[in-house]
Amino acid sequence: MKATLRVLQHVPLIKFVGGPHVATHTPVSFHPCAPAGLKPSAIVSAPTSGHAASFQSRNNLSKRFRYTPLNDVEINDVLTGGAEVFIK
């Protein structure tokens, strides 16, 4: 009984302004800046189903986007979890 009373007395800490908002459906229309009043296509806006995304390797990009090879210190840090401490 006491647990029920505590639940009923609960006041949420977050208060939303204006109460619950009702979702409204707006019809598809053209953007004011679109050339010649073009409307978005339903085929383009629909998610692609059944098509696998094509994989592109970063090695096909320019050198600045490619992975840099790891040196021995970095490999050792990864394998040991950074547990080695070097005191000079």
Protein backbone atom coordinates (compact mmCIF):
# COMPACT_ATOMS: atom_id res chain seq x y z
CA MET A 1 0.00 0.00 0.00
CA LYS A 2 2.81 2.44 0.87
CA ALA A 3 4.59 1.67 -2.40
CA THR A 4 1.43 2.47 -4.36
CA LEU A 5 1.06 5.78 -2.59
CA ARG A 6 4.67 6.69 -3.38
CA VAL A 7 4.13 5.94 -7.08
CA LEU A 8 0.94 7.99 -7.18
CA GLN A 9 2.71 10.95 -5.52
CA HIS A 10 5.55 10.93 -8.07
CA VAL A 11 6.03 14.26 -9.82
CA PRO A 12 8.28 14.16 -12.92
CA LEU A 13 11.33 16.45 -12.82
CA ILE A 14 11.04 17.37 -16.50
CA LYS A 15 8.20 19.70 -17.45
CA PHE A 16 7.34 20.20 -21.11
CA VAL A 17 6.03 23.58 -22.19
CA GLY A 18 2.68 23.53 -23.93
CA GLY A 19 1.68 19.98 -23.02
CA PRO A 20 1.71 17.04 -25.42
CA HIS A 21 2.28 17.89 -29.06
CA VAL A 22 0.14 16.32 -31.75
CA ALA A 23 2.00 15.05 -34.82
CA THR A 24 0.63 16.62 -37.97
CA HIS A 25 0.99 15.25 -41.47
CA THR A 26 1.85 17.82 -44.10
CA PRO A 27 1.44 16.99 -47.77
CA VAL A 28 4.53 16.84 -49.97
CA SER A 29 5.07 20.13 -51.72
CA PHE A 30 7.87 21.85 -53.58
CA HIS A 31 10.52 23.90 -51.83
CA PRO A 32 10.25 27.63 -52.53
CA CYS A 33 13.82 27.69 -53.83
CA ALA A 34 13.42 24.61 -56.06
CA PRO A 35 13.84 25.29 -59.78
CA ALA A 36 10.55 25.32 -61.70
CA GLY A 37 8.58 24.12 -58.68
CA LEU A 38 9.96 20.56 -58.73
CA LYS A 39 8.46 18.23 -56.15
CA PRO A 40 10.54 15.57 -54.41
CA SER A 41 10.09 12.15 -55.93
CA ALA A 42 8.49 9.44 -53.82
CA ILE A 43 10.94 6.90 -55.24
CA VAL A 44 13.99 8.94 -54.18
CA SER A 45 12.69 9.64 -50.67
CA ALA A 46 11.74 5.99 -50.00
CA PRO A 47 14.38 3.86 -48.28
CA THR A 48 16.16 1.48 -50.58
CA SER A 49 15.22 -2.08 -49.80
CA GLY A 50 17.02 -5.12 -51.11
CA HIS A 51 19.97 -3.14 -52.43
CA ALA A 52 23.28 -3.76 -50.74
CA ALA A 53 25.38 -0.69 -50.08
CA SER A 54 28.50 -0.66 -52.17
CA PHE A 55 31.74 -0.89 -50.21
CA GLN A 56 34.48 1.53 -51.09
CA SER A 57 37.95 1.05 -49.69
CA ARG A 58 39.75 4.07 -48.25
CA ASN A 59 42.81 2.95 -50.21
CA ASN A 60 41.08 4.15 -53.40
CA LEU A 61 41.01 7.71 -52.06
CA SER A 62 43.84 10.24 -52.03
CA LYS A 63 46.75 9.72 -49.62
CA ARG A 64 45.44 12.10 -46.96
CA PHE A 65 42.33 9.92 -46.41
CA ARG A 66 44.13 6.56 -46.30
CA TYR A 67 44.91 4.70 -43.10
CA THR A 68 48.40 5.25 -41.78
CA PRO A 69 50.24 2.07 -40.83
CA LEU A 70 50.73 1.48 -37.11
CA ASN A 71 54.26 1.53 -35.75
CA ASP A 72 55.60 -0.96 -33.17
CA VAL A 73 54.97 1.34 -30.19
CA GLU A 74 51.30 1.76 -31.12
CA ILE A 75 50.85 -1.98 -31.67
CA ASN A 76 52.44 -2.70 -28.29
CA ASP A 77 50.16 -0.15 -26.59
CA VAL A 78 47.09 -1.77 -28.10
CA LEU A 79 48.16 -5.31 -27.20
CA THR A 80 49.03 -4.44 -23.59
CA GLY A 81 46.08 -2.12 -23.09
CA GLY A 82 48.46 0.75 -22.32
CA ALA A 83 49.64 -1.03 -19.16
CA GLU A 84 53.32 -0.40 -19.73
CA VAL A 85 54.65 2.65 -17.92
CA PHE A 86 57.97 4.12 -18.94
CA ILE A 87 59.68 6.16 -16.22
CA LYS A 88 62.62 8.28 -17.25
